[in-house]
Protein backbone atom coordinates (compact mmCIF):
# COMPACT_ATOMS: atom_id res chain seq x y z
CA UNK A 1 107.61 122.27 134.02
CA UNK A 2 107.24 119.46 131.51
CA UNK A 3 110.06 117.44 130.04
CA UNK A 4 110.36 114.52 127.67
CA UNK A 5 110.73 112.23 130.67
CA UNK A 6 107.14 113.01 131.70
CA UNK A 7 105.72 113.40 128.18
CA UNK A 8 107.01 110.54 126.04
CA UNK A 9 106.28 111.53 122.44
CA UNK A 10 107.03 107.98 121.29
CA UNK A 11 104.25 106.53 123.45
CA UNK A 12 101.56 105.51 120.93
CA UNK A 13 98.81 105.94 123.53
CA UNK A 14 99.69 109.63 123.90
CA UNK A 15 98.26 110.58 120.51
CA UNK A 16 94.72 109.44 121.28
CA UNK A 17 94.53 111.43 124.54
CA UNK A 18 92.36 114.57 124.65
CA UNK A 19 95.03 116.52 126.56
CA UNK A 20 97.77 115.88 123.98
CA UNK A 21 97.49 119.28 122.21
CA UNK A 22 98.01 121.12 125.51
CA UNK A 23 100.91 118.88 126.57
CA UNK A 24 102.72 119.22 123.24
CA UNK A 25 102.08 122.99 123.14
CA UNK A 26 103.70 123.39 126.57
CA UNK A 27 106.73 121.37 125.47
CA UNK A 28 107.01 123.49 122.32
CA UNK A 29 106.86 126.71 124.37
CA UNK A 30 109.67 125.45 126.61
CA UNK A 31 112.08 124.69 123.77
CA UNK A 32 112.18 124.10 120.03
CA UNK A 33 114.23 120.93 120.47
CA UNK A 34 114.04 118.42 123.33
CA UNK A 35 116.11 115.40 124.27
CA UNK A 36 113.97 112.25 124.23
CA UNK A 37 115.14 108.94 125.69
CA UNK A 38 113.01 106.41 123.84
CA UNK A 39 112.38 102.85 124.98
CA UNK A 40 113.20 101.20 121.64
CA UNK A 41 115.39 103.68 119.77
CA UNK A 42 117.60 105.16 122.47
CA UNK A 43 118.21 108.92 122.69
CA UNK A 44 116.87 111.18 119.93
CA UNK A 45 116.38 114.91 119.53
CA UNK A 46 112.69 115.84 119.22
CA UNK A 47 112.01 118.91 117.07
CA UNK A 48 108.66 120.55 117.89
CA UNK A 49 108.65 123.98 116.21
CA UNK A 50 107.83 124.77 112.59
CA UNK A 51 110.96 126.75 111.76
CA UNK A 52 113.40 124.18 113.07
CA UNK A 53 111.38 121.33 111.53
CA UNK A 54 111.50 123.02 108.13
CA UNK A 55 115.25 123.61 108.55
CA UNK A 56 115.81 119.89 109.11
CA UNK A 57 113.58 118.75 106.25
CA UNK A 58 115.12 121.18 103.75
CA UNK A 59 118.73 120.27 104.56
CA UNK A 60 119.28 116.70 103.37
CA UNK A 61 123.05 117.23 103.27
CA UNK A 62 123.19 117.67 107.05
CA UNK A 63 120.10 115.70 108.09
CA UNK A 64 120.25 112.39 106.24
CA UNK A 65 117.50 109.81 105.65
CA UNK A 66 119.85 106.92 104.84
CA UNK A 67 120.08 105.54 108.39
CA UNK A 68 116.31 105.52 108.79
CA UNK A 69 113.37 107.84 108.24
CA UNK A 70 111.12 106.54 111.03
CA UNK A 71 111.46 105.60 114.67
CA UNK A 72 110.91 101.97 115.53
CA UNK A 73 113.86 100.19 113.89
CA UNK A 74 115.71 100.00 117.21
CA UNK A 75 118.82 101.74 118.47
CA UNK A 76 121.77 101.35 116.09
CA UNK A 77 119.81 99.32 113.52
CA UNK A 78 119.97 100.40 109.88
CA UNK A 79 116.85 99.56 107.81
CA UNK A 80 117.13 96.91 105.08
CA UNK A 81 116.41 99.40 102.30
CA UNK A 82 119.05 101.95 103.30
CA UNK A 83 120.49 103.56 100.17
CA UNK A 84 118.10 101.52 97.99
CA UNK A 85 114.65 103.00 98.67
CA UNK A 86 113.38 106.51 97.96
CA UNK A 87 112.52 107.02 101.63
CA UNK A 88 116.01 105.93 102.70
CA UNK A 89 118.24 107.84 100.30
CA UNK A 90 119.52 111.39 99.99
CA UNK A 91 120.08 113.46 96.83
CA UNK A 92 121.36 112.79 94.21
CA UNK A 93 120.50 109.08 94.64
CA UNK A 94 117.03 110.00 95.86
CA UNK A 95 116.28 111.93 92.64
CA UNK A 96 117.46 108.98 90.53
CA UNK A 97 115.10 106.55 92.26
CA UNK A 98 112.21 109.01 92.16
CA UNK A 99 112.53 109.87 88.45
CA UNK A 100 110.72 106.84 86.90
CA UNK A 101 107.71 107.26 89.21
CA UNK A 102 107.34 111.04 88.81
CA UNK A 103 105.16 111.01 85.65
CA UNK A 104 102.56 108.79 87.31
CA UNK A 105 102.09 111.20 90.22
CA UNK A 106 102.41 114.55 88.43
CA UNK A 107 99.56 117.06 88.58
CA UNK A 108 98.89 116.50 84.89
CA UNK A 109 98.68 112.75 85.29
CA UNK A 110 96.37 113.04 88.28
CA UNK A 111 94.06 115.50 86.47
CA UNK A 112 93.53 112.88 83.78
CA UNK A 113 92.41 110.35 86.39
CA UNK A 114 90.32 112.76 88.48
CA UNK A 115 86.98 111.77 86.94
CA UNK A 116 87.41 108.05 87.56
CA UNK A 117 88.63 108.76 91.11
CA UNK A 118 85.53 110.89 91.80
CA UNK A 119 83.23 108.24 90.31
CA UNK A 120 84.75 105.51 92.46
CA UNK A 121 84.44 107.63 95.60
CA UNK A 122 80.79 108.31 94.76
CA UNK A 123 80.08 104.60 94.34
CA UNK A 124 81.71 103.81 97.68
CA UNK A 125 79.53 106.30 99.53
CA UNK A 126 76.42 105.22 97.62
CA UNK A 127 77.01 101.72 99.00
CA UNK A 128 77.82 103.07 102.48
CA UNK A 129 74.64 105.16 102.65
CA UNK A 130 72.60 102.18 101.46
CA UNK A 131 74.08 100.02 104.24
CA UNK A 132 73.39 102.69 106.85
CA UNK A 133 75.96 101.56 109.42
CA UNK A 134 79.54 101.00 108.25
CA UNK A 135 83.13 101.12 109.40
CA UNK A 136 84.33 104.34 107.78
CA UNK A 137 87.92 103.05 107.70
CA UNK A 138 86.86 100.25 105.34
CA UNK A 139 84.92 102.68 103.13
CA UNK A 140 87.71 105.20 102.60
CA UNK A 141 90.47 102.56 102.30
CA UNK A 142 88.88 101.04 99.20
CA UNK A 143 89.59 104.10 97.03
CA UNK A 144 93.41 104.38 97.35
CA UNK A 145 93.67 100.59 97.01
CA UNK A 146 91.71 100.62 93.75
CA UNK A 147 93.67 103.57 92.36
CA UNK A 148 96.95 101.87 93.28
CA UNK A 149 95.85 98.74 91.40
CA UNK A 150 95.26 100.96 88.34
CA UNK A 151 98.70 102.56 88.63
CA UNK A 152 100.37 99.16 88.91
CA UNK A 153 98.11 97.74 86.15
CA UNK A 154 97.30 94.74 88.31
CA UNK A 155 95.61 92.12 86.08
CA UNK A 156 91.84 91.95 86.58
CA UNK A 157 92.00 88.36 87.82
CA UNK A 158 94.50 89.38 90.54
CA UNK A 159 92.70 92.44 91.87
CA UNK A 160 90.57 90.74 94.51
CA UNK A 161 93.69 88.98 95.79
CA UNK A 162 95.69 92.24 95.72
CA UNK A 163 93.00 94.05 97.69
CA UNK A 164 92.88 91.22 100.27
CA UNK A 165 96.68 91.19 100.65
CA UNK A 166 96.86 94.98 100.92
CA UNK A 167 93.98 94.95 103.39
CA UNK A 168 95.98 92.57 105.57
CA UNK A 169 99.23 94.51 105.11
CA UNK A 170 97.69 97.90 105.93
CA UNK A 171 94.49 97.15 107.83
CA UNK A 172 95.61 94.09 109.81
CA UNK A 173 94.60 94.43 113.45
CA UNK A 174 97.99 93.31 114.80
CA UNK A 175 101.63 93.88 113.73
CA UNK A 176 101.85 90.14 112.97
CA UNK A 177 98.89 90.33 110.57
CA UNK A 178 100.33 93.38 108.81
CA UNK A 179 103.74 91.69 108.50
CA UNK A 180 102.10 88.60 106.98
CA UNK A 181 100.36 90.82 104.43
CA UNK A 182 103.67 92.36 103.34
CA UNK A 183 105.21 88.89 103.10
CA UNK A 184 102.52 88.06 100.54
CA UNK A 185 102.68 91.42 98.76
CA UNK A 186 106.44 91.45 98.12
CA UNK A 187 106.65 88.09 96.25
CA UNK A 188 103.69 89.15 94.11
CA UNK A 189 105.37 92.45 93.23
CA UNK A 190 108.63 90.61 92.47
CA UNK A 191 106.81 88.28 90.06
CA UNK A 192 105.17 91.25 88.32
CA UNK A 193 108.50 93.12 88.03
CA UNK A 194 110.11 90.11 86.32
CA UNK A 195 107.15 89.82 83.92
CA UNK A 196 107.28 93.53 83.00
CA UNK A 197 111.02 93.42 82.36
CA UNK A 198 110.42 90.93 79.58
CA UNK A 199 107.08 92.40 78.44
CA UNK A 200 106.79 96.06 79.53
CA UNK A 201 103.50 97.98 79.48
CA UNK A 202 102.49 101.57 80.14
CA UNK A 203 102.32 101.33 83.93
CA UNK A 204 104.28 102.15 87.06
CA UNK A 205 105.74 98.66 87.55
CA UNK A 206 107.03 98.55 83.95
CA UNK A 207 108.52 102.04 84.19
CA UNK A 208 110.42 101.22 87.36
CA UNK A 209 111.39 97.72 86.20
CA UNK A 210 112.94 99.00 82.96
CA UNK A 211 114.35 102.33 84.14
CA UNK A 212 118.13 102.62 83.98
CA UNK A 213 120.17 104.53 86.54
CA UNK A 214 123.56 105.51 85.17
CA UNK A 215 123.07 103.06 82.32
CA UNK A 216 122.13 100.06 84.47
CA UNK A 217 118.81 98.52 85.43
CA UNK A 218 118.02 98.65 89.13
CA UNK A 219 118.29 95.29 90.92
CA UNK A 220 114.88 93.62 91.03
CA UNK A 221 114.95 93.64 94.84
CA UNK A 222 115.41 97.42 94.82
CA UNK A 223 112.51 97.90 92.38
CA UNK A 224 110.28 95.81 94.65
CA UNK A 225 111.35 97.68 97.80
CA UNK A 226 110.47 101.00 96.14
CA UNK A 227 107.14 99.72 94.84
CA UNK A 228 106.23 98.44 98.30
CA UNK A 229 107.20 101.85 99.70
CA UNK A 230 104.96 103.61 97.15
CA UNK A 231 102.02 101.30 97.87
CA UNK A 232 102.40 101.79 101.64
CA UNK A 233 102.61 105.57 101.36
CA UNK A 234 99.86 105.82 98.76
CA UNK A 235 97.35 103.80 100.75
CA UNK A 236 98.19 104.63 104.36
CA UNK A 237 98.31 108.43 104.14
CA UNK A 238 94.97 108.70 102.33
CA UNK A 239 93.30 106.06 104.48
CA UNK A 240 94.18 107.69 107.79
CA UNK A 241 93.79 111.32 106.69
CA UNK A 242 90.39 110.64 105.11
CA UNK A 243 89.12 108.74 108.16
CA UNK A 244 90.48 111.30 110.65
CA UNK A 245 89.27 114.21 108.51
CA UNK A 246 85.73 112.85 108.24
CA UNK A 247 85.74 112.00 111.95
CA UNK A 248 86.69 115.62 112.65
CA UNK A 249 83.92 116.95 110.40
CA UNK A 250 81.30 114.74 112.07
CA UNK A 251 82.25 116.33 115.39
CA UNK A 252 81.91 119.82 113.91
CA UNK A 253 78.49 120.15 112.22
CA UNK A 254 79.23 123.83 111.50
CA UNK A 255 82.20 122.87 109.31
CA UNK A 256 80.23 120.05 107.65
CA UNK A 257 77.44 122.49 106.74
CA UNK A 258 79.92 125.10 105.53
CA UNK A 259 81.35 122.58 103.08
CA UNK A 260 77.92 121.33 102.02
CA UNK A 261 76.87 124.90 101.24
CA UNK A 262 80.00 125.40 99.14
CA UNK A 263 81.27 128.30 101.26
CA UNK A 264 84.83 126.95 101.25
CA UNK A 265 86.85 125.50 98.37
CA UNK A 266 87.54 121.80 98.69
CA UNK A 267 91.21 122.31 97.82
CA UNK A 268 91.60 124.63 100.79
CA UNK A 269 89.67 122.25 103.07
CA UNK A 270 91.86 119.30 102.06
CA UNK A 271 95.02 121.20 102.99
CA UNK A 272 93.61 122.31 106.33
CA UNK A 273 92.49 118.78 107.22
CA UNK A 274 95.94 117.51 106.23
CA UNK A 275 97.46 120.07 108.63
CA UNK A 276 94.97 119.35 111.39
CA UNK A 277 95.20 115.55 111.28
CA UNK A 278 98.96 115.29 110.49
CA UNK A 279 98.66 111.49 110.58
CA UNK A 280 102.34 111.01 109.73
CA UNK A 281 103.26 112.12 113.24
CA UNK A 282 107.01 112.23 112.77
CA UNK A 283 109.92 111.69 110.40
CA UNK A 284 113.49 110.82 111.36
CA UNK A 285 116.89 112.06 110.20
CA UNK A 286 120.52 111.50 111.26
CA UNK A 287 123.02 114.35 111.54
CA UNK A 288 126.00 114.03 109.18
CA UNK A 289 128.01 116.66 111.07
CA UNK A 290 127.93 118.73 114.24
CA UNK A 291 125.39 121.56 114.02
CA UNK A 292 123.33 123.81 116.29
CA UNK A 293 119.56 123.46 116.03
CA UNK A 294 117.09 125.40 118.13
CA UNK A 295 119.76 126.26 120.68
CA UNK A 296 120.87 122.64 121.05
CA UNK A 297 124.22 121.22 119.97
CA UNK A 298 123.55 118.27 117.67
CA UNK A 299 126.50 115.92 117.18
CA UNK A 300 127.35 113.90 114.10
CA UNK A 301 125.45 110.60 114.26
CA UNK A 302 122.70 111.97 116.52
CA UNK A 303 119.18 111.12 115.43
CA UNK A 304 116.69 113.93 115.00
CA UNK A 305 112.92 113.30 115.04
CA UNK A 306 110.80 116.01 113.43
CA UNK A 307 107.36 115.90 115.06
CA UNK A 308 105.27 117.09 112.12
CA UNK A 309 102.08 117.08 114.19
CA UNK A 310 103.60 119.63 116.57
CA UNK A 311 105.16 121.78 113.82
CA UNK A 312 101.76 122.01 112.12
CA UNK A 313 100.27 123.50 115.30
CA UNK A 314 103.02 126.02 115.98
CA UNK A 315 101.50 129.49 116.62
CA UNK A 316 104.66 131.08 115.20
CA UNK A 317 103.76 129.59 111.80
CA UNK A 318 99.95 129.37 111.88
CA UNK A 319 97.37 131.87 113.09
CA UNK A 320 94.94 130.17 115.51
CA UNK A 321 96.67 126.80 115.08
CA UNK A 322 94.24 125.03 117.42
CA UNK A 323 91.30 126.08 115.25
CA UNK A 324 90.22 124.34 112.03
CA UNK A 325 90.07 127.15 109.48
CA UNK A 326 88.96 125.46 106.27
CA UNK A 327 89.79 128.56 104.23
CA UNK A 328 93.25 129.00 105.80
CA UNK A 329 95.61 130.80 103.41
CA UNK A 330 98.50 130.50 103.11
CA UNK A 331 98.74 127.01 104.53
CA UNK A 332 102.35 125.86 104.45
CA UNK A 333 101.78 122.70 106.46
CA UNK A 334 104.39 119.94 106.58
CA UNK A 335 101.94 117.02 106.50
CA UNK A 336 103.30 115.88 103.13
CA UNK A 337 106.90 116.76 103.89
CA UNK A 338 109.23 119.44 102.55
CA UNK A 339 112.36 119.58 100.44
CA UNK A 340 113.80 116.58 98.59
CA UNK A 341 111.47 114.16 100.37
CA UNK A 342 108.24 116.07 99.71
CA UNK A 343 105.65 113.35 99.12
CA UNK A 344 105.89 112.10 95.53
CA UNK A 345 102.20 111.19 95.62
CA UNK A 346 100.97 114.54 96.99
CA UNK A 347 98.83 115.49 93.93
CA UNK A 348 97.23 112.03 93.89
CA UNK A 349 96.66 111.99 97.66
CA UNK A 350 94.96 115.39 97.51
CA UNK A 351 92.77 114.29 94.57
CA UNK A 352 91.68 111.16 96.45
CA UNK A 353 90.98 113.07 99.67
CA UNK A 354 89.00 115.68 97.75
CA UNK A 355 86.96 112.95 96.05
CA UNK A 356 86.22 111.14 99.32
CA UNK A 357 85.21 114.29 101.22
CA UNK A 358 83.09 115.49 98.28
CA UNK A 359 81.33 112.14 97.95
CA UNK A 360 80.59 112.00 101.68
CA UNK A 361 79.13 115.51 101.61
CA UNK A 362 77.05 114.82 98.51
CA UNK A 363 75.67 111.45 99.58
CA UNK A 364 75.19 111.86 103.35
CA UNK A 365 73.16 114.53 105.10
CA UNK A 366 74.66 113.41 108.38
CA UNK A 367 77.37 111.04 109.64
CA UNK A 368 77.00 110.04 113.30
CA UNK A 369 79.07 107.80 115.60
CA UNK A 370 77.77 104.23 115.83
CA UNK A 371 80.32 102.89 118.30
CA UNK A 372 83.69 103.62 119.91
CA UNK A 373 86.65 104.70 117.79
CA UNK A 374 89.61 102.31 118.06
CA UNK A 375 92.99 103.87 117.25
CA UNK A 376 95.93 101.97 115.81
CA UNK A 377 98.60 102.87 118.41
CA UNK A 378 101.09 103.88 115.71
CA UNK A 379 103.48 106.83 115.80
CA UNK A 380 104.27 106.29 112.10
CA UNK A 381 100.82 106.72 110.56
CA UNK A 382 98.36 107.47 113.33
CA UNK A 383 94.66 106.92 112.78
CA UNK A 384 91.65 104.75 113.53
CA UNK A 385 91.54 101.01 112.93
CA UNK A 386 87.78 101.12 113.53
CA UNK A 387 85.48 104.09 112.99
CA UNK A 388 81.87 102.83 113.14
CA UNK A 389 79.36 105.38 111.85
CA UNK A 390 75.72 105.74 110.84
CA UNK A 391 75.00 107.59 107.59
CA UNK A 392 71.75 109.44 106.88
CA UNK A 393 71.12 109.84 103.13
CA UNK A 394 70.57 113.30 101.65
């Protein structure tokens, strides 16, 4: 019988192992909720089933984000942005912080940008096919970075610098490199916020810099924290899901051909690859009162980790969960969250993923491995740091 002492879900090396699906499935069969004694964060409750995961995510009043939404901060440590960032607030404060950004990520707003997103994705894969051998992580990362620069209306003369800084912050090969990137990104964002307060434009920075909550402007530091949060989420989720999704398709020529022949809608395929990859492995909450969950007694102050990857492979919620069914319907995966914290950028992320998958299918007859895959050892946003491939043009 397995237990969380023998299967440590917080071990970053676990998620690159081929036997992980079987190990997690056995844990999930044993119990919906397990006690996990983590090395860095102390004891947490690990939620593995879909129903209990959805219960936690829907109930922000009982399962709060304010004390942290991700493992890794350390036992008893409260993140700097608690109560000030979208990711670290509960309703109604969460809705107030989210409101100025909503128009930029709405379905209508994304539809207007769909053509330019598709054109950019096509150009990226034109260049990749011409090169022949590329690191697929670099190829797919360029699209969300460019789109984010558009949303922030980064001046043309700053874009190369912004891309370099974001590359370091998100693609740095070590935690120290990534931290250094953020230390460059935050002062730049702060400078831009101060400029837009005095001279606002029609862009995301201006909207957040000038938005009033209960009649008062948000502190500049809070605006910057939320912008950094948006940039991180907007780039990381697409980068890892696109890379993992394409890696999956290269290993399954039957699925690749099905998509190339147009037998499955791209919208449906995007959702299934989001479910299958579930790169945001977990999300964290803290109980605000005593409650029973999955047969376990959760006490006020206990931390509860929802393992989204496991919930998205729960046979009680998904037929043939260990199969990639590109036409799966319905597909109520939790890869982009649920409830108040459902991903604000979901429509944009799906549009970017659709554009990248479509461009790859249109430009490349075949994508083959050209070297070993190197994973990032992250339980926050799991995916490859290096994915060398060889592309054969159509």
